[in-house]
Amino acid sequence: MKKEDKKVNFDLSTLSLEELIQVYEKITNFLEYLKASKINEKEKVEK
């Protein structure tokens, strides 16, 4: 399977403003989670 076949395509223009805000919040929360996880991993390595 080619890398192109694995991509998910969706059209943001079909979403309502409320749905766009929800997507934004989910992405932001996920990025914060990743950032926090990275910090925790550094703390574990230093101990």
PDB file of N, CA and C in Angstrom:
ATOM      1  N   MET A   1       0.846  -1.182   0.000  1.00  0.00           N
ATOM      2  CA  MET A   1       0.000   0.000   0.000  1.00  0.00           C
ATOM      3  C   MET A   1       0.890   1.245   0.000  1.00  0.00           C
ATOM      4  N   LYS A   2       0.625   2.143  -0.928  1.00  0.00           N
ATOM      5  CA  LYS A   2       1.407   3.367  -1.024  1.00  0.00           C
ATOM      6  C   LYS A   2       1.035   4.331   0.096  1.00  0.00           C
ATOM      7  N   LYS A   3       1.963   5.203   0.410  1.00  0.00           N
ATOM      8  CA  LYS A   3       1.727   6.190   1.462  1.00  0.00           C
ATOM      9  C   LYS A   3       0.511   7.064   1.137  1.00  0.00           C
ATOM     10  N   GLU A   4       0.333   7.398  -0.126  1.00  0.00           N
ATOM     11  CA  GLU A   4      -0.809   8.216  -0.552  1.00  0.00           C
ATOM     12  C   GLU A   4      -2.131   7.532  -0.240  1.00  0.00           C
ATOM     13  N   ASP A   5      -2.169   6.212  -0.318  1.00  0.00           N
ATOM     14  CA  ASP A   5      -3.399   5.461  -0.070  1.00  0.00           C
ATOM     15  C   ASP A   5      -3.821   5.512   1.394  1.00  0.00           C
ATOM     16  N   LYS A   6      -2.880   5.807   2.282  1.00  0.00           N
ATOM     17  CA  LYS A   6      -3.163   5.813   3.716  1.00  0.00           C
ATOM     18  C   LYS A   6      -3.676   7.165   4.216  1.00  0.00           C
ATOM     19  N   LYS A   7      -3.583   8.180   3.380  1.00  0.00           N
ATOM     20  CA  LYS A   7      -3.988   9.520   3.806  1.00  0.00           C
ATOM     21  C   LYS A   7      -5.499   9.628   3.923  1.00  0.00           C
ATOM     22  N   VAL A   8      -5.919  10.446   4.879  1.00  0.00           N
ATOM     23  CA  VAL A   8      -7.343  10.731   5.059  1.00  0.00           C
ATOM     24  C   VAL A   8      -7.591  12.139   4.525  1.00  0.00           C
ATOM     25  N   ASN A   9      -8.538  12.253   3.627  1.00  0.00           N
ATOM     26  CA  ASN A   9      -8.875  13.557   3.060  1.00  0.00           C
ATOM     27  C   ASN A   9     -10.264  13.966   3.520  1.00  0.00           C
ATOM     28  N   PHE A  10     -10.391  15.199   3.936  1.00  0.00           N
ATOM     29  CA  PHE A  10     -11.709  15.716   4.274  1.00  0.00           C
ATOM     30  C   PHE A  10     -11.731  17.204   3.968  1.00  0.00           C
ATOM     31  N   ASP A  11     -12.904  17.714   3.726  1.00  0.00           N
ATOM     32  CA  ASP A  11     -13.086  19.096   3.315  1.00  0.00           C
ATOM     33  C   ASP A  11     -13.595  19.916   4.500  1.00  0.00           C
ATOM     34  N   LEU A  12     -12.746  20.781   5.017  1.00  0.00           N
ATOM     35  CA  LEU A  12     -13.129  21.604   6.167  1.00  0.00           C
ATOM     36  C   LEU A  12     -14.253  22.579   5.837  1.00  0.00           C
ATOM     37  N   SER A  13     -14.413  22.892   4.574  1.00  0.00           N
ATOM     38  CA  SER A  13     -15.453  23.852   4.195  1.00  0.00           C
ATOM     39  C   SER A  13     -16.858  23.296   4.389  1.00  0.00           C
ATOM     40  N   THR A  14     -16.970  21.990   4.573  1.00  0.00           N
ATOM     41  CA  THR A  14     -18.292  21.388   4.783  1.00  0.00           C
ATOM     42  C   THR A  14     -18.723  21.447   6.247  1.00  0.00           C
ATOM     43  N   LEU A  15     -17.811  21.837   7.134  1.00  0.00           N
ATOM     44  CA  LEU A  15     -18.126  21.881   8.559  1.00  0.00           C
ATOM     45  C   LEU A  15     -18.731  23.225   8.945  1.00  0.00           C
ATOM     46  N   SER A  16     -19.584  23.176   9.945  1.00  0.00           N
ATOM     47  CA  SER A  16     -20.150  24.415  10.487  1.00  0.00           C
ATOM     48  C   SER A  16     -19.107  25.072  11.389  1.00  0.00           C
ATOM     49  N   LEU A  17     -19.355  26.294  11.772  1.00  0.00           N
ATOM     50  CA  LEU A  17     -18.429  27.001  12.657  1.00  0.00           C
ATOM     51  C   LEU A  17     -18.262  26.244  13.968  1.00  0.00           C
ATOM     52  N   GLU A  18     -19.348  25.747  14.521  1.00  0.00           N
ATOM     53  CA  GLU A  18     -19.284  24.992  15.775  1.00  0.00           C
ATOM     54  C   GLU A  18     -18.414  23.743  15.613  1.00  0.00           C
ATOM     55  N   GLU A  19     -18.569  23.050  14.499  1.00  0.00           N
ATOM     56  CA  GLU A  19     -17.764  21.846  14.253  1.00  0.00           C
ATOM     57  C   GLU A  19     -16.297  22.200  14.058  1.00  0.00           C
ATOM     58  N   LEU A  20     -16.022  23.307  13.377  1.00  0.00           N
ATOM     59  CA  LEU A  20     -14.639  23.750  13.197  1.00  0.00           C
ATOM     60  C   LEU A  20     -13.989  24.069  14.538  1.00  0.00           C
ATOM     61  N   ILE A  21     -14.735  24.708  15.418  1.00  0.00           N
ATOM     62  CA  ILE A  21     -14.221  25.029  16.754  1.00  0.00           C
ATOM     63  C   ILE A  21     -13.917  23.749  17.523  1.00  0.00           C
ATOM     64  N   GLN A  22     -14.786  22.754  17.417  1.00  0.00           N
ATOM     65  CA  GLN A  22     -14.562  21.473  18.096  1.00  0.00           C
ATOM     66  C   GLN A  22     -13.304  20.785  17.568  1.00  0.00           C
ATOM     67  N   VAL A  23     -13.113  20.811  16.258  1.00  0.00           N
ATOM     68  CA  VAL A  23     -11.913  20.215  15.658  1.00  0.00           C
ATOM     69  C   VAL A  23     -10.675  20.944  16.165  1.00  0.00           C
ATOM     70  N   TYR A  24     -10.721  22.272  16.176  1.00  0.00           N
ATOM     71  CA  TYR A  24      -9.606  23.074  16.661  1.00  0.00           C
ATOM     72  C   TYR A  24      -9.274  22.731  18.114  1.00  0.00           C
ATOM     73  N   GLU A  25     -10.300  22.629  18.960  1.00  0.00           N
ATOM     74  CA  GLU A  25     -10.085  22.314  20.374  1.00  0.00           C
ATOM     75  C   GLU A  25      -9.487  20.925  20.549  1.00  0.00           C
ATOM     76  N   LYS A  26      -9.956  19.961  19.774  1.00  0.00           N
ATOM     77  CA  LYS A  26      -9.421  18.602  19.875  1.00  0.00           C
ATOM     78  C   LYS A  26      -7.959  18.557  19.460  1.00  0.00           C
ATOM     79  N   ILE A  27      -7.629  19.260  18.381  1.00  0.00           N
ATOM     80  CA  ILE A  27      -6.239  19.294  17.921  1.00  0.00           C
ATOM     81  C   ILE A  27      -5.363  19.984  18.958  1.00  0.00           C
ATOM     82  N   THR A  28      -5.836  21.095  19.494  1.00  0.00           N
ATOM     83  CA  THR A  28      -5.080  21.841  20.502  1.00  0.00           C
ATOM     84  C   THR A  28      -4.859  20.993  21.752  1.00  0.00           C
ATOM     85  N   ASN A  29      -5.900  20.312  22.203  1.00  0.00           N
ATOM     86  CA  ASN A  29      -5.774  19.445  23.380  1.00  0.00           C
ATOM     87  C   ASN A  29      -4.801  18.305  23.117  1.00  0.00           C
ATOM     88  N   PHE A  30      -4.840  17.744  21.930  1.00  0.00           N
ATOM     89  CA  PHE A  30      -3.927  16.656  21.589  1.00  0.00           C
ATOM     90  C   PHE A  30      -2.482  17.152  21.577  1.00  0.00           C
ATOM     91  N   LEU A  31      -2.253  18.330  21.024  1.00  0.00           N
ATOM     92  CA  LEU A  31      -0.902  18.890  21.007  1.00  0.00           C
ATOM     93  C   LEU A  31      -0.401  19.175  22.419  1.00  0.00           C
ATOM     94  N   GLU A  32      -1.274  19.661  23.287  1.00  0.00           N
ATOM     95  CA  GLU A  32      -0.903  19.889  24.685  1.00  0.00           C
ATOM     96  C   GLU A  32      -0.557  18.571  25.375  1.00  0.00           C
ATOM     97  N   TYR A  33      -1.332  17.531  25.082  1.00  0.00           N
ATOM     98  CA  TYR A  33      -1.061  16.205  25.639  1.00  0.00           C
ATOM     99  C   TYR A  33       0.318  15.717  25.191  1.00  0.00           C
ATOM    100  N   LEU A  34       0.616  15.876  23.913  1.00  0.00           N
ATOM    101  CA  LEU A  34       1.923  15.452  23.408  1.00  0.00           C
ATOM    102  C   LEU A  34       3.046  16.237  24.070  1.00  0.00           C
ATOM    103  N   LYS A  35       2.844  17.520  24.234  1.00  0.00           N
ATOM    104  CA  LYS A  35       3.851  18.366  24.878  1.00  0.00           C
ATOM    105  C   LYS A  35       4.078  17.916  26.320  1.00  0.00           C
ATOM    106  N   ALA A  36       3.005  17.649  27.048  1.00  0.00           N
ATOM    107  CA  ALA A  36       3.111  17.196  28.438  1.00  0.00           C
ATOM    108  C   ALA A  36       3.768  15.822  28.510  1.00  0.00           C
ATOM    109  N   SER A  37       3.448  14.953  27.587  1.00  0.00           N
ATOM    110  CA  SER A  37       4.033  13.611  27.565  1.00  0.00           C
ATOM    111  C   SER A  37       5.527  13.687  27.307  1.00  0.00           C
ATOM    112  N   LYS A  38       5.927  14.585  26.439  1.00  0.00           N
ATOM    113  CA  LYS A  38       7.344  14.749  26.122  1.00  0.00           C
ATOM    114  C   LYS A  38       8.104  15.205  27.360  1.00  0.00           C
ATOM    115  N   ILE A  39       7.525  16.132  28.116  1.00  0.00           N
ATOM    116  CA  ILE A  39       8.146  16.614  29.349  1.00  0.00           C
ATOM    117  C   ILE A  39       8.266  15.465  30.349  1.00  0.00           C
ATOM    118  N   ASN A  40       7.221  14.652  30.496  1.00  0.00           N
ATOM    119  CA  ASN A  40       7.259  13.526  31.422  1.00  0.00           C
ATOM    120  C   ASN A  40       8.324  12.518  31.020  1.00  0.00           C
ATOM    121  N   GLU A  41       8.489  12.275  29.734  1.00  0.00           N
ATOM    122  CA  GLU A  41       9.511  11.344  29.274  1.00  0.00           C
ATOM    123  C   GLU A  41      10.904  11.865  29.621  1.00  0.00           C
ATOM    124  N   LYS A  42      11.131  13.172  29.475  1.00  0.00           N
ATOM    125  CA  LYS A  42      12.426  13.753  29.822  1.00  0.00           C
ATOM    126  C   LYS A  42      12.705  13.579  31.307  1.00  0.00           C
ATOM    127  N   GLU A  43      11.684  13.768  32.152  1.00  0.00           N
ATOM    128  CA  GLU A  43      11.848  13.618  33.593  1.00  0.00           C
ATOM    129  C   GLU A  43      12.209  12.184  33.944  1.00  0.00           C
ATOM    130  N   LYS A  44      11.598  11.209  33.280  1.00  0.00           N
ATOM    131  CA  LYS A  44      11.887   9.799  33.544  1.00  0.00           C
ATOM    132  C   LYS A  44      13.319   9.459  33.165  1.00  0.00           C
ATOM    133  N   VAL A  45      13.791  10.009  32.057  1.00  0.00           N
ATOM    134  CA  VAL A  45      15.147   9.730  31.591  1.00  0.00           C
ATOM    135  C   VAL A  45      16.170  10.327  32.544  1.00  0.00           C
ATOM    136  N   GLU A  46      15.899  11.504  33.090  1.00  0.00           N
ATOM    137  CA  GLU A  46      16.834  12.184  33.975  1.00  0.00           C
ATOM    138  C   GLU A  46      16.972  11.508  35.325  1.00  0.00           C
ATOM    139  N   LYS A  47      15.970  10.753  35.763  1.00  0.00           N
ATOM    140  CA  LYS A  47      16.002  10.128  37.094  1.00  0.00           C
ATOM    141  C   LYS A  47      16.915   8.952  37.143  1.00  0.00           C
TER     142      LYS A  47
END
